[in-house]
Structures are given as structure tokens and as C-alpha cells.
N, C-alpha and C. Protein backbone atom coordinates (compact mmCIF):
# COMPACT_ATOMS: atom_id res chain seq x y z
N MET A 1 -0.68 -2.93 15.20
CA MET A 1 0.14 -2.02 14.47
C MET A 1 1.03 -1.21 15.43
N PHE A 2 0.40 -0.55 16.38
CA PHE A 2 1.18 0.28 17.30
C PHE A 2 2.04 -0.57 18.24
N THR A 3 1.51 -1.72 18.62
CA THR A 3 2.24 -2.54 19.58
C THR A 3 3.45 -3.24 18.96
N ALA A 4 3.56 -3.23 17.65
CA ALA A 4 4.72 -3.83 16.97
C ALA A 4 5.78 -2.77 16.65
N ASN A 5 5.50 -1.51 16.99
CA ASN A 5 6.41 -0.41 16.69
C ASN A 5 7.30 -0.13 17.91
N LYS A 6 8.58 -0.41 17.77
CA LYS A 6 9.51 -0.25 18.89
C LYS A 6 9.67 1.23 19.28
N ASP A 7 9.53 2.14 18.33
CA ASP A 7 9.63 3.58 18.64
C ASP A 7 8.53 4.02 19.59
N ILE A 8 7.35 3.44 19.44
CA ILE A 8 6.21 3.80 20.28
C ILE A 8 6.21 3.01 21.59
N MET A 9 6.42 1.69 21.50
CA MET A 9 6.26 0.82 22.65
C MET A 9 7.54 0.59 23.47
N GLY A 10 8.68 0.88 22.87
CA GLY A 10 9.93 0.69 23.60
C GLY A 10 10.17 -0.77 23.94
N GLU A 11 10.43 -1.05 25.20
CA GLU A 11 10.72 -2.43 25.61
C GLU A 11 9.49 -3.33 25.62
N PHE A 12 8.31 -2.75 25.48
CA PHE A 12 7.07 -3.51 25.54
C PHE A 12 6.55 -3.90 24.16
N VAL A 13 7.37 -3.80 23.16
CA VAL A 13 6.97 -4.11 21.79
C VAL A 13 6.61 -5.60 21.67
N ASN A 14 5.57 -5.90 20.86
CA ASN A 14 5.17 -7.29 20.62
C ASN A 14 6.20 -7.99 19.74
N ALA A 15 6.37 -9.27 19.97
CA ALA A 15 7.22 -10.09 19.10
C ALA A 15 6.51 -10.28 17.76
N ARG A 16 7.29 -10.57 16.74
CA ARG A 16 6.73 -10.76 15.40
C ARG A 16 5.72 -11.92 15.39
N VAL A 17 6.01 -12.97 16.16
CA VAL A 17 5.10 -14.12 16.23
C VAL A 17 3.75 -13.71 16.81
N THR A 18 3.77 -12.89 17.83
CA THR A 18 2.52 -12.41 18.45
C THR A 18 1.70 -11.60 17.46
N THR A 19 2.37 -10.73 16.71
CA THR A 19 1.68 -9.90 15.72
C THR A 19 1.08 -10.77 14.61
N LEU A 20 1.85 -11.73 14.12
CA LEU A 20 1.35 -12.61 13.05
C LEU A 20 0.19 -13.47 13.54
N LEU A 21 0.29 -13.97 14.76
CA LEU A 21 -0.80 -14.77 15.32
C LEU A 21 -2.07 -13.93 15.48
N GLY A 22 -1.91 -12.71 15.92
CA GLY A 22 -3.06 -11.81 16.05
C GLY A 22 -3.74 -11.55 14.71
N TRP A 23 -2.93 -11.30 13.68
CA TRP A 23 -3.48 -11.08 12.33
C TRP A 23 -4.17 -12.34 11.81
N ALA A 24 -3.58 -13.50 12.04
CA ALA A 24 -4.16 -14.76 11.58
C ALA A 24 -5.52 -15.01 12.24
N ILE A 25 -5.60 -14.77 13.54
CA ILE A 25 -6.87 -14.96 14.25
C ILE A 25 -7.91 -13.96 13.77
N ALA A 26 -7.50 -12.72 13.55
CA ALA A 26 -8.44 -11.70 13.05
C ALA A 26 -8.97 -12.08 11.67
N LEU A 27 -8.10 -12.56 10.78
CA LEU A 27 -8.55 -12.97 9.45
C LEU A 27 -9.48 -14.18 9.51
N LEU A 28 -9.22 -15.10 10.43
CA LEU A 28 -10.10 -16.25 10.60
C LEU A 28 -11.49 -15.80 11.05
N ILE A 29 -11.56 -14.89 11.99
CA ILE A 29 -12.85 -14.38 12.47
C ILE A 29 -13.58 -13.64 11.36
N ILE A 30 -12.87 -12.84 10.57
CA ILE A 30 -13.48 -12.14 9.44
C ILE A 30 -14.03 -13.15 8.43
N GLY A 31 -13.27 -14.20 8.18
CA GLY A 31 -13.74 -15.25 7.26
C GLY A 31 -15.01 -15.91 7.76
N PHE A 32 -15.07 -16.23 9.04
CA PHE A 32 -16.28 -16.82 9.61
C PHE A 32 -17.47 -15.86 9.50
N ASN A 33 -17.24 -14.58 9.72
CA ASN A 33 -18.31 -13.59 9.61
C ASN A 33 -18.83 -13.48 8.18
N VAL A 34 -17.93 -13.49 7.21
CA VAL A 34 -18.35 -13.43 5.80
C VAL A 34 -19.17 -14.67 5.46
N TYR A 35 -18.70 -15.84 5.90
CA TYR A 35 -19.45 -17.08 5.67
C TYR A 35 -20.85 -16.99 6.28
N LEU A 36 -20.94 -16.52 7.52
CA LEU A 36 -22.23 -16.40 8.18
C LEU A 36 -23.17 -15.46 7.41
N LEU A 37 -22.64 -14.35 6.94
CA LEU A 37 -23.47 -13.43 6.16
C LEU A 37 -23.96 -14.06 4.87
N LEU A 38 -23.09 -14.78 4.18
CA LEU A 38 -23.48 -15.42 2.92
C LEU A 38 -24.54 -16.48 3.15
N VAL A 39 -24.42 -17.27 4.20
CA VAL A 39 -25.40 -18.30 4.51
C VAL A 39 -26.71 -17.65 4.95
N THR A 40 -26.62 -16.60 5.76
CA THR A 40 -27.82 -15.93 6.26
C THR A 40 -28.65 -15.35 5.13
N PHE A 41 -28.02 -14.75 4.15
CA PHE A 41 -28.74 -14.12 3.04
C PHE A 41 -28.96 -15.05 1.87
N GLY A 42 -28.67 -16.33 2.04
CA GLY A 42 -28.97 -17.32 1.03
C GLY A 42 -28.08 -17.29 -0.19
N LEU A 43 -26.94 -16.66 -0.09
CA LEU A 43 -26.02 -16.59 -1.23
C LEU A 43 -25.07 -17.78 -1.29
N MET A 44 -25.14 -18.61 -0.24
CA MET A 44 -24.28 -19.79 -0.17
C MET A 44 -24.99 -20.84 0.66
N LYS A 45 -24.89 -22.09 0.22
CA LYS A 45 -25.53 -23.17 0.98
C LYS A 45 -24.57 -23.70 2.03
N GLN A 46 -25.14 -24.19 3.12
CA GLN A 46 -24.31 -24.74 4.21
C GLN A 46 -23.63 -25.93 3.72
């Protein structure tokens, strides 16, 4: 969030592609964690 803000970061601002890739990876990790919790507690079969 802050690294995509040119007012805060100036010339060191992240490119839009970098920000989108970061969000995509974060959502993938969250998805894996939710899956692991569901399998661990028996709410979903492998």
C-alpha cells in the first residue's frame, strides 16, 4: 500500500505490476492457509 504511493515513496514507488504480483502471491498463500485449516479440522477432505 505505502510502496505504491508516489507521494510517500517518491522515485522509489513500486510499479503496478509489482504491486499486483505481491497481492496475487499474498492471496495464494491465504488460500493455502484456509485449505490447510479446513483439512486439519476435518471440514474438507484432501
